[in-house]
Amino acid sequence: MSTPPVPVVLADRLAQFSELWSPKIVAGVNDYEVKLAKVKGEFVWHTHEDTDELFLVVTGRLTIRLRDGDVTLDPGELFVVPRGVEHCPVAEEETAILLLEPAGTVNTGDAGGPMTRQAEVLG
């Protein structure tokens, strides 16, 4: 007997945690992880040399600072930071985001430091 397929309800998953800048894995797509995170304030400037990074705003507003100018996202909007492009996410208010990136991608990229978090699976 197999279990029936169940959709991932983003609001339900977001209600399961409160930590900021700590991505949670909610699904997998081939060799990629679908992650949710709550963010507020400024992250660190960093680069992912080997992969693009997709940001989708679920709630709130996210600004992705780039050396060439800022990109501001409202709910339902997404932006892909190309591999090798230095960026710094910033949220004035608590914002929920969905990330799509290869499995094992470190949130702080090449920067490391105290904001580095290993993504954990959220059940």
C-alpha atoms as a PDB file:
ATOM      1  CA  MET A   1       0.000   0.000   0.000  1.00  0.00           C
ATOM      2  CA  SER A   2       1.438   3.385  -0.950  1.00  0.00           C
ATOM      3  CA  THR A   3       0.585   6.721   0.549  1.00  0.00           C
ATOM      4  CA  PRO A   4      -1.316   9.162  -1.660  1.00  0.00           C
ATOM      5  CA  PRO A   5       0.594  12.162  -3.036  1.00  0.00           C
ATOM      6  CA  VAL A   6       0.286  15.257  -0.873  1.00  0.00           C
ATOM      7  CA  PRO A   7       1.009  18.849  -1.932  1.00  0.00           C
ATOM      8  CA  VAL A   8       3.424  21.037  -0.007  1.00  0.00           C
ATOM      9  CA  VAL A   9       1.382  23.849   1.548  1.00  0.00           C
ATOM     10  CA  LEU A  10       3.826  26.721   1.921  1.00  0.00           C
ATOM     11  CA  ALA A  11       1.839  28.524   4.640  1.00  0.00           C
ATOM     12  CA  ASP A  12       1.726  25.333   6.742  1.00  0.00           C
ATOM     13  CA  ARG A  13       5.446  24.763   6.367  1.00  0.00           C
ATOM     14  CA  LEU A  14       6.256  28.386   7.184  1.00  0.00           C
ATOM     15  CA  ALA A  15       4.179  28.088  10.375  1.00  0.00           C
ATOM     16  CA  GLN A  16       6.499  25.296  11.570  1.00  0.00           C
ATOM     17  CA  PHE A  17       9.541  27.502  12.220  1.00  0.00           C
ATOM     18  CA  SER A  18      10.504  31.012  13.281  1.00  0.00           C
ATOM     19  CA  GLU A  19      14.315  31.164  12.890  1.00  0.00           C
ATOM     20  CA  LEU A  20      15.582  33.840  10.526  1.00  0.00           C
ATOM     21  CA  TRP A  21      18.097  33.164   7.734  1.00  0.00           C
ATOM     22  CA  SER A  22      17.885  29.408   8.383  1.00  0.00           C
ATOM     23  CA  PRO A  23      16.680  27.618   5.214  1.00  0.00           C
ATOM     24  CA  LYS A  24      14.414  24.572   5.504  1.00  0.00           C
ATOM     25  CA  ILE A  25      14.178  21.938   2.773  1.00  0.00           C
ATOM     26  CA  VAL A  26      10.548  21.259   1.830  1.00  0.00           C
ATOM     27  CA  ALA A  27      10.950  19.326  -1.427  1.00  0.00           C
ATOM     28  CA  GLY A  28      13.440  18.042  -3.950  1.00  0.00           C
ATOM     29  CA  VAL A  29      13.513  18.340  -7.733  1.00  0.00           C
ATOM     30  CA  ASN A  30      16.110  16.093  -9.371  1.00  0.00           C
ATOM     31  CA  ASP A  31      19.401  17.241  -7.807  1.00  0.00           C
ATOM     32  CA  TYR A  32      17.885  20.474  -6.488  1.00  0.00           C
ATOM     33  CA  GLU A  33      16.408  21.428  -3.123  1.00  0.00           C
ATOM     34  CA  VAL A  34      13.331  23.596  -2.680  1.00  0.00           C
ATOM     35  CA  LYS A  35      13.899  25.614   0.498  1.00  0.00           C
ATOM     36  CA  LEU A  36      11.838  28.015   2.561  1.00  0.00           C
ATOM     37  CA  ALA A  37      13.375  30.690   4.747  1.00  0.00           C
ATOM     38  CA  LYS A  38      12.217  33.604   6.844  1.00  0.00           C
ATOM     39  CA  VAL A  39      14.465  36.624   6.573  1.00  0.00           C
ATOM     40  CA  LYS A  40      14.722  40.081   8.117  1.00  0.00           C
ATOM     41  CA  GLY A  41      17.541  42.576   8.089  1.00  0.00           C
ATOM     42  CA  GLU A  42      20.664  42.310   5.981  1.00  0.00           C
ATOM     43  CA  PHE A  43      22.421  39.068   5.031  1.00  0.00           C
ATOM     44  CA  VAL A  44      26.079  38.893   3.944  1.00  0.00           C
ATOM     45  CA  TRP A  45      27.535  39.755   0.562  1.00  0.00           C
ATOM     46  CA  HIS A  46      28.388  36.450  -1.094  1.00  0.00           C
ATOM     47  CA  THR A  47      28.766  34.553  -4.348  1.00  0.00           C
ATOM     48  CA  HIS A  48      27.838  31.075  -5.526  1.00  0.00           C
ATOM     49  CA  GLU A  49      30.531  30.392  -8.117  1.00  0.00           C
ATOM     50  CA  ASP A  50      29.020  27.159  -9.463  1.00  0.00           C
ATOM     51  CA  THR A  51      25.274  27.746  -9.467  1.00  0.00           C
ATOM     52  CA  ASP A  52      22.462  30.173 -10.134  1.00  0.00           C
ATOM     53  CA  GLU A  53      20.135  30.904  -7.198  1.00  0.00           C
ATOM     54  CA  LEU A  54      16.380  31.402  -7.539  1.00  0.00           C
ATOM     55  CA  PHE A  55      14.566  33.634  -5.018  1.00  0.00           C
ATOM     56  CA  LEU A  56      10.737  33.702  -4.923  1.00  0.00           C
ATOM     57  CA  VAL A  57       9.000  35.968  -2.408  1.00  0.00           C
ATOM     58  CA  VAL A  58       6.061  34.295  -0.656  1.00  0.00           C
ATOM     59  CA  THR A  59       5.224  37.109   1.792  1.00  0.00           C
ATOM     60  CA  GLY A  60       6.847  40.440   2.552  1.00  0.00           C
ATOM     61  CA  ARG A  61       9.380  42.206   0.348  1.00  0.00           C
ATOM     62  CA  LEU A  62      12.967  41.299  -0.488  1.00  0.00           C
ATOM     63  CA  THR A  63      15.675  43.460  -1.991  1.00  0.00           C
ATOM     64  CA  ILE A  64      18.590  41.665  -3.569  1.00  0.00           C
ATOM     65  CA  ARG A  65      21.531  44.026  -3.650  1.00  0.00           C
ATOM     66  CA  LEU A  66      23.824  43.558  -6.614  1.00  0.00           C
ATOM     67  CA  ARG A  67      26.956  45.539  -7.453  1.00  0.00           C
ATOM     68  CA  ASP A  68      25.141  46.788 -10.605  1.00  0.00           C
ATOM     69  CA  GLY A  69      21.937  47.839  -8.798  1.00  0.00           C
ATOM     70  CA  ASP A  70      19.194  46.481  -6.572  1.00  0.00           C
ATOM     71  CA  VAL A  71      16.293  44.184  -7.472  1.00  0.00           C
ATOM     72  CA  THR A  72      13.213  44.463  -5.229  1.00  0.00           C
ATOM     73  CA  LEU A  73      10.704  41.613  -5.141  1.00  0.00           C
ATOM     74  CA  ASP A  74       7.126  41.616  -3.895  1.00  0.00           C
ATOM     75  CA  PRO A  75       5.020  38.505  -3.170  1.00  0.00           C
ATOM     76  CA  GLY A  76       4.715  36.293  -6.222  1.00  0.00           C
ATOM     77  CA  GLU A  77       7.835  37.723  -7.875  1.00  0.00           C
ATOM     78  CA  LEU A  78      11.070  35.866  -8.457  1.00  0.00           C
ATOM     79  CA  PHE A  79      14.606  36.652  -9.519  1.00  0.00           C
ATOM     80  CA  VAL A  80      17.483  34.413 -10.472  1.00  0.00           C
ATOM     81  CA  VAL A  81      20.942  35.537  -9.358  1.00  0.00           C
ATOM     82  CA  PRO A  82      23.325  34.157 -11.982  1.00  0.00           C
ATOM     83  CA  ARG A  83      26.266  32.041 -10.859  1.00  0.00           C
ATOM     84  CA  GLY A  84      29.287  34.063  -9.875  1.00  0.00           C
ATOM     85  CA  VAL A  85      27.318  37.278  -9.219  1.00  0.00           C
ATOM     86  CA  GLU A  86      27.936  38.808  -5.800  1.00  0.00           C
ATOM     87  CA  HIS A  87      24.686  39.599  -3.985  1.00  0.00           C
ATOM     88  CA  CYS A  88      23.275  40.536  -0.594  1.00  0.00           C
ATOM     89  CA  PRO A  89      19.618  39.867   0.306  1.00  0.00           C
ATOM     90  CA  VAL A  90      17.942  42.472   2.531  1.00  0.00           C
ATOM     91  CA  ALA A  91      14.432  42.572   4.046  1.00  0.00           C
ATOM     92  CA  GLU A  92      13.109  45.570   5.976  1.00  0.00           C
ATOM     93  CA  GLU A  93      10.242  43.471   7.378  1.00  0.00           C
ATOM     94  CA  GLU A  94      10.026  39.745   8.029  1.00  0.00           C
ATOM     95  CA  THR A  95       9.792  38.127   4.620  1.00  0.00           C
ATOM     96  CA  ALA A  96       9.208  34.516   3.593  1.00  0.00           C
ATOM     97  CA  ILE A  97      11.140  33.306   0.564  1.00  0.00           C
ATOM     98  CA  LEU A  98      11.380  30.142  -1.470  1.00  0.00           C
ATOM     99  CA  LEU A  99      14.808  29.198  -2.833  1.00  0.00           C
ATOM    100  CA  LEU A 100      15.699  26.714  -5.538  1.00  0.00           C
ATOM    101  CA  GLU A 101      19.306  25.610  -5.636  1.00  0.00           C
ATOM    102  CA  PRO A 102      21.416  22.460  -6.070  1.00  0.00           C
ATOM    103  CA  ALA A 103      21.423  20.081  -3.104  1.00  0.00           C
ATOM    104  CA  GLY A 104      24.099  20.996  -0.591  1.00  0.00           C
ATOM    105  CA  THR A 105      24.399  24.672  -1.586  1.00  0.00           C
ATOM    106  CA  VAL A 106      25.640  26.682   1.402  1.00  0.00           C
ATOM    107  CA  ASN A 107      23.509  29.741   2.163  1.00  0.00           C
ATOM    108  CA  THR A 108      26.510  32.058   2.570  1.00  0.00           C
ATOM    109  CA  GLY A 109      28.274  30.808  -0.568  1.00  0.00           C
ATOM    110  CA  ASP A 110      31.938  31.765  -0.567  1.00  0.00           C
ATOM    111  CA  ALA A 111      31.600  34.158   2.391  1.00  0.00           C
ATOM    112  CA  GLY A 112      31.160  31.656   5.238  1.00  0.00           C
ATOM    113  CA  GLY A 113      30.922  33.186   8.690  1.00  0.00           C
ATOM    114  CA  PRO A 114      28.427  33.162  11.562  1.00  0.00           C
ATOM    115  CA  MET A 115      25.314  33.312   9.336  1.00  0.00           C
ATOM    116  CA  THR A 116      26.166  30.009   7.644  1.00  0.00           C
ATOM    117  CA  ARG A 117      23.414  27.435   8.214  1.00  0.00           C
ATOM    118  CA  GLN A 118      23.109  23.881   7.009  1.00  0.00           C
ATOM    119  CA  ALA A 119      19.636  23.509   5.513  1.00  0.00           C
ATOM    120  CA  GLU A 120      17.518  21.005   7.411  1.00  0.00           C
ATOM    121  CA  VAL A 121      14.608  18.957   6.132  1.00  0.00           C
ATOM    122  CA  LEU A 122      11.259  20.265   7.338  1.00  0.00           C
ATOM    123  CA  GLY A 123       8.681  17.475   7.683  1.00  0.00           C
END
